[in-house]
Amino acid sequence: MSGSGTVWIRIGHEEATTVVDDAALIDADPFVFVHHRAGERIQGNRPYPPDMAGICFDMYGTLCDTSSVRARLGEELDVADRLVAAVDEVWRRKQLQYSYQSAQMDDYEPFWEITGHALEYALAQFDLDPDASTRERIRETYDHLEPFPGAAETLDRLSTAGHEVVVLSNGNPAMLERLAENAGLRSHLDGIVSAHGVRTFKPDPSVYEHAAETLDRPLDDCRLVSSNAWDVAGAGNAGMATTWVNRRRNPPEAIGAHPDREVTTLPDVADDPCSN
């Protein structure tokens, strides 16, 4: 499944705005940036103070809560809660695993398709066979996740302070556009940077480099904010500053860079956001 969205494509010094679908984006210049604020775009000569970082938020599990997926599974499958929890766990695990496999095998598929493949596996593992429309409604839960408390407020505080505030996600552009709009976050973002632009997934260093290039900033002038420790480790290894939203107070990853800053809620991010 693919969708369309307004994107800015910069090729050399030429710029254009156009409406394309995800398939077209695969062959576009890697500097692909999904436009969010009417009449504006992120560009190198935008007058941000030099001490203001480009702050890149992960979407799934950081700005938006994926726990609602389990509730939708329960509604659609009508099976015991324990089985719903098991399907949910396998679905998320396979979603991450398939994105890693796709990157390692150099066999890219958009994250929306990865999400569908992972769901198919999870259902098959437990001998569940809902019809096609039910499967699609379940997958579409990813278009309707609830934002975490304080998400919009945090984005606004950072933007008001002068930071460039964007999403950096493995989701493909159409998928991220739908969620940002449905979650009420679109108007609070300067834009969206998708791993789709480089045909791989985080934590591949090229995704973080792609974000810095899109924002026209050096890597160390960008900061990733993520609740995923593996994402933080990858961004740190690539050269980004990092803030880990560690809601569950887990230990950091044993492999890769440790976070420069650790907080437990999104509003904490806006308090001295560039401290280490």
Protein backbone atom coordinates (compact mmCIF):
# COMPACT_ATOMS: atom_id res chain seq x y z
CA MET A 1 0.00 0.00 0.00
CA SER A 2 1.35 3.44 -0.82
CA GLY A 3 0.10 6.93 -0.22
CA SER A 4 0.80 10.44 -1.36
CA GLY A 5 2.00 13.53 0.40
CA THR A 6 3.50 16.93 -0.29
CA VAL A 7 7.27 16.72 -0.23
CA TRP A 8 10.14 19.07 -0.83
CA ILE A 9 12.80 17.60 -3.07
CA ARG A 10 16.15 19.34 -3.31
CA ILE A 11 18.46 18.31 -6.15
CA GLY A 12 21.60 20.39 -6.09
CA HIS A 13 20.44 23.99 -5.92
CA GLU A 14 17.09 23.31 -7.57
CA GLU A 15 14.03 23.03 -5.39
CA ALA A 16 10.48 22.02 -6.12
CA THR A 17 7.32 21.06 -4.31
CA THR A 18 5.28 18.17 -5.62
CA VAL A 19 2.82 15.49 -4.62
CA VAL A 20 4.19 11.98 -5.01
CA ASP A 21 3.52 8.54 -3.60
CA ASP A 22 5.94 6.36 -1.68
CA ALA A 23 6.96 4.40 -4.78
CA ALA A 24 8.08 7.60 -6.48
CA LEU A 25 10.01 8.63 -3.39
CA ILE A 26 12.15 5.51 -3.60
CA ASP A 27 13.72 6.80 -6.83
CA ALA A 28 13.87 10.45 -5.80
CA ASP A 29 16.91 12.33 -4.58
CA PRO A 30 17.75 11.25 -1.02
CA PHE A 31 17.10 14.77 0.25
CA VAL A 32 13.38 14.23 0.63
CA PHE A 33 11.57 16.19 3.30
CA VAL A 34 7.87 15.97 4.03
CA HIS A 35 6.43 19.47 4.32
CA HIS A 36 4.22 20.27 7.29
CA ARG A 37 3.83 23.97 7.92
CA ALA A 38 2.09 25.86 5.16
CA GLY A 39 4.41 28.32 3.44
CA GLU A 40 7.53 27.05 5.22
CA ARG A 41 10.25 24.50 4.75
CA ILE A 42 13.42 23.46 6.52
CA GLN A 43 16.41 24.88 4.70
CA GLY A 44 19.99 25.76 5.44
CA ASN A 45 19.50 29.54 5.38
CA ARG A 46 16.56 29.51 7.76
CA PRO A 47 17.50 31.97 10.53
CA TYR A 48 17.95 29.64 13.48
CA PRO A 49 20.42 30.76 16.15
CA PRO A 50 23.66 28.75 15.90
CA ASP A 51 23.24 27.27 19.38
CA MET A 52 19.79 25.87 18.58
CA ALA A 53 19.87 22.22 17.56
CA GLY A 54 17.76 20.36 15.08
CA ILE A 55 15.75 18.03 17.32
CA CYS A 56 14.59 14.79 15.71
CA PHE A 57 11.85 12.84 17.48
CA ASP A 58 11.19 9.18 16.91
CA MET A 59 7.50 8.63 16.24
CA TYR A 60 6.46 5.11 17.30
CA GLY A 61 6.72 4.67 21.05
CA THR A 62 8.21 8.13 21.59
CA LEU A 63 5.70 10.72 20.40
CA CYS A 64 2.86 8.23 19.90
CA ASP A 65 1.84 5.34 22.13
CA THR A 66 1.75 1.93 20.44
CA SER A 67 -0.07 0.29 23.36
CA SER A 68 -3.44 0.98 21.72
CA VAL A 69 -2.56 -1.68 19.15
CA ARG A 70 -3.36 -4.38 21.70
CA ALA A 71 -6.82 -2.99 22.34
CA ARG A 72 -7.63 -3.00 18.63
CA LEU A 73 -6.38 -6.57 18.32
CA GLY A 74 -8.72 -7.59 21.13
CA GLU A 75 -11.69 -5.90 19.48
CA GLU A 76 -11.04 -7.40 16.06
CA LEU A 77 -9.95 -10.94 17.00
CA ASP A 78 -12.39 -11.66 19.85
CA VAL A 79 -10.05 -14.11 21.58
CA ALA A 80 -8.73 -14.44 25.14
CA ASP A 81 -6.70 -11.53 26.50
CA ARG A 82 -3.65 -13.72 26.96
CA LEU A 83 -3.71 -14.65 23.28
CA VAL A 84 -4.18 -11.02 22.26
CA ALA A 85 -1.11 -10.07 24.29
CA ALA A 86 0.92 -12.84 22.65
CA VAL A 87 -0.09 -11.77 19.14
CA ASP A 88 0.74 -8.15 19.96
CA GLU A 89 4.18 -9.09 21.29
CA VAL A 90 5.05 -11.21 18.26
CA TRP A 91 3.74 -8.58 15.84
CA ARG A 92 5.93 -5.83 17.30
CA ARG A 93 8.96 -8.12 17.57
CA LYS A 94 8.60 -9.25 13.95
CA GLN A 95 8.03 -5.67 12.80
CA LEU A 96 11.44 -4.72 14.21
CA GLN A 97 13.08 -7.96 13.08
CA TYR A 98 11.84 -7.59 9.51
CA SER A 99 13.09 -4.01 9.32
CA TYR A 100 16.53 -5.20 10.48
CA GLN A 101 16.45 -8.08 7.99
CA SER A 102 15.40 -5.79 5.18
CA ALA A 103 18.32 -3.47 5.89
CA GLN A 104 20.87 -6.27 6.26
CA MET A 105 19.73 -8.08 3.12
CA ASP A 106 19.59 -4.84 1.10
CA ASP A 107 16.01 -5.77 0.20
CA TYR A 108 14.08 -2.65 1.13
CA GLU A 109 10.33 -2.57 1.61
CA PRO A 110 8.42 0.40 3.04
CA PHE A 111 7.60 0.16 6.73
CA TRP A 112 3.87 -0.09 6.02
CA GLU A 113 4.53 -3.30 4.10
CA ILE A 114 6.90 -4.54 6.81
CA THR A 115 4.12 -3.95 9.34
CA GLY A 116 1.73 -6.02 7.24
CA HIS A 117 4.19 -8.89 6.86
CA ALA A 118 4.82 -8.92 10.61
CA LEU A 119 1.08 -9.04 11.31
CA GLU A 120 0.65 -11.96 8.90
CA TYR A 121 3.37 -13.88 10.74
CA ALA A 122 1.92 -13.15 14.18
CA LEU A 123 -1.54 -14.30 13.16
CA ALA A 124 -0.20 -17.46 11.51
CA GLN A 125 1.86 -18.37 14.57
CA PHE A 126 -1.33 -18.61 16.62
CA ASP A 127 -3.48 -20.18 13.88
CA LEU A 128 -5.64 -17.09 13.55
CA ASP A 129 -7.16 -16.38 10.14
CA PRO A 130 -9.29 -13.22 10.12
CA ASP A 131 -10.56 -12.01 6.77
CA ALA A 132 -8.71 -9.44 4.68
CA SER A 133 -10.77 -6.46 5.84
CA THR A 134 -10.18 -7.35 9.50
CA ARG A 135 -6.44 -7.66 8.89
CA GLU A 136 -6.39 -4.26 7.23
CA ARG A 137 -8.33 -2.63 10.08
CA ILE A 138 -5.81 -4.06 12.52
CA ARG A 139 -2.87 -2.73 10.52
CA GLU A 140 -4.54 0.67 10.26
CA THR A 141 -4.25 0.98 14.03
CA TYR A 142 -0.82 2.43 13.25
CA ASP A 143 -2.59 5.37 11.60
CA HIS A 144 -4.53 6.18 14.78
CA LEU A 145 -2.12 5.93 17.72
CA GLU A 146 -2.65 8.34 20.59
CA PRO A 147 0.08 10.87 21.35
CA PHE A 148 1.79 10.57 24.71
CA PRO A 149 0.82 13.19 27.31
CA GLY A 150 2.58 16.46 26.68
CA ALA A 151 3.68 15.61 23.13
CA ALA A 152 2.25 18.69 21.40
CA GLU A 153 3.25 20.95 24.30
CA THR A 154 6.83 19.67 24.16
CA LEU A 155 7.11 20.25 20.42
CA ASP A 156 5.71 23.77 20.80
CA ARG A 157 8.08 24.67 23.64
CA LEU A 158 11.08 23.55 21.63
CA SER A 159 9.90 25.35 18.51
CA THR A 160 9.23 28.54 20.45
CA ALA A 161 12.75 28.35 21.87
CA GLY A 162 14.11 28.37 18.32
CA HIS A 163 14.82 24.72 17.59
CA GLU A 164 13.98 22.92 14.36
CA VAL A 165 11.59 20.18 15.46
CA VAL A 166 11.03 17.20 13.18
CA VAL A 167 10.16 13.53 13.22
CA LEU A 168 12.83 11.01 12.23
CA SER A 169 11.20 7.63 11.77
CA ASN A 170 11.41 4.30 10.01
CA GLY A 171 7.84 4.82 8.87
CA ASN A 172 7.37 5.67 5.22
CA PRO A 173 6.17 9.22 4.44
CA ALA A 174 2.51 8.45 3.70
CA MET A 175 2.23 6.38 6.88
CA LEU A 176 3.81 9.13 8.98
CA GLU A 177 1.68 11.84 7.39
CA ARG A 178 -1.50 9.99 8.32
CA LEU A 179 -0.42 9.42 11.90
CA ALA A 180 0.86 12.96 12.45
CA GLU A 181 -2.44 14.34 11.20
CA ASN A 182 -4.64 11.93 13.14
CA ALA A 183 -2.65 12.39 16.36
CA GLY A 184 -2.97 16.17 16.15
CA LEU A 185 0.79 16.67 15.88
CA ARG A 186 1.16 17.78 12.28
CA SER A 187 0.81 21.52 12.96
CA HIS A 188 3.33 21.29 15.82
CA LEU A 189 6.12 19.91 13.62
CA ASP A 190 8.45 21.62 11.19
CA GLY A 191 8.47 18.42 9.17
CA ILE A 192 9.08 14.72 8.85
CA VAL A 193 12.24 12.93 7.79
CA SER A 194 11.72 9.31 6.80
CA ALA A 195 14.22 6.48 6.53
CA HIS A 196 12.37 5.78 3.29
CA GLY A 197 14.56 8.43 1.65
CA VAL A 198 17.63 6.18 1.92
CA ARG A 199 15.87 2.82 1.52
CA THR A 200 16.97 1.37 4.83
CA PHE A 201 16.02 1.59 8.51
CA LYS A 202 17.35 2.85 11.81
CA PRO A 203 19.78 2.13 13.37
CA ASP A 204 21.70 2.20 10.05
CA PRO A 205 23.99 5.28 10.29
CA SER A 206 22.82 6.46 6.87
CA VAL A 207 19.37 7.26 8.30
CA TYR A 208 20.79 9.67 10.89
CA GLU A 209 23.14 11.14 8.28
CA HIS A 210 20.13 11.58 5.99
CA ALA A 211 18.36 13.58 8.71
CA ALA A 212 21.35 15.87 9.21
CA GLU A 213 21.72 16.40 5.47
CA THR A 214 18.01 17.13 5.12
CA LEU A 215 18.20 19.72 7.89
CA ASP A 216 21.44 21.05 6.35
CA ARG A 217 23.26 20.69 9.65
CA PRO A 218 26.27 18.71 10.84
CA LEU A 219 25.39 15.53 12.71
CA ASP A 220 26.60 16.93 16.02
CA ASP A 221 24.18 19.84 15.60
CA CYS A 222 21.26 17.39 15.58
CA ARG A 223 19.76 15.55 18.54
CA LEU A 224 17.68 12.39 18.44
CA VAL A 225 14.92 12.02 21.03
CA SER A 226 13.74 8.41 21.29
CA SER A 227 12.25 5.98 23.78
CA ASN A 228 14.03 3.11 22.03
CA ALA A 229 17.44 2.39 23.53
CA TRP A 230 18.65 0.75 20.31
CA ASP A 231 17.71 3.91 18.38
CA VAL A 232 19.61 6.08 20.84
CA ALA A 233 22.64 3.78 20.60
CA GLY A 234 22.54 3.96 16.80
CA ALA A 235 22.19 7.73 16.64
CA GLY A 236 25.00 8.20 19.14
CA ASN A 237 27.28 5.92 17.17
CA ALA A 238 26.50 7.89 14.02
CA GLY A 239 27.50 11.14 15.73
CA MET A 240 24.19 12.65 16.84
CA ALA A 241 23.56 13.96 20.32
CA THR A 242 20.86 11.89 22.01
CA THR A 243 18.11 12.10 24.60
CA TRP A 244 16.59 8.85 25.81
CA VAL A 245 12.97 8.99 27.01
CA ASN A 246 13.32 6.06 29.39
CA ARG A 247 9.78 5.70 30.68
CA ARG A 248 10.38 2.19 32.00
CA ARG A 249 13.73 3.03 33.59
CA ASN A 250 15.52 0.29 31.68
CA PRO A 251 19.30 0.00 31.48
CA PRO A 252 20.96 1.39 28.34
CA GLU A 253 22.01 -0.92 25.55
CA ALA A 254 25.23 -2.86 26.13
CA ILE A 255 26.27 -2.25 22.51
CA GLY A 256 26.50 1.19 20.94
CA ALA A 257 26.62 4.67 22.39
CA HIS A 258 24.98 5.48 25.69
CA PRO A 259 22.52 8.41 25.77
CA ASP A 260 23.85 11.92 26.33
CA ARG A 261 20.76 12.71 28.37
CA GLU A 262 18.08 10.57 29.99
CA VAL A 263 14.56 11.66 30.94
CA THR A 264 11.35 9.85 31.85
CA THR A 265 8.67 12.01 30.16
CA LEU A 266 8.35 14.06 26.99
CA PRO A 267 7.92 17.40 28.81
CA ASP A 268 11.30 16.76 30.45
CA VAL A 269 12.86 16.97 26.99
CA ALA A 270 12.00 20.66 26.67
CA ASP A 271 13.76 21.51 29.94
CA ASP A 272 17.30 22.41 28.85
CA PRO A 273 16.99 20.22 25.75
CA CYS A 274 20.63 20.42 24.65
CA SER A 275 22.21 19.51 27.98
CA ASN A 276 24.26 16.32 28.25
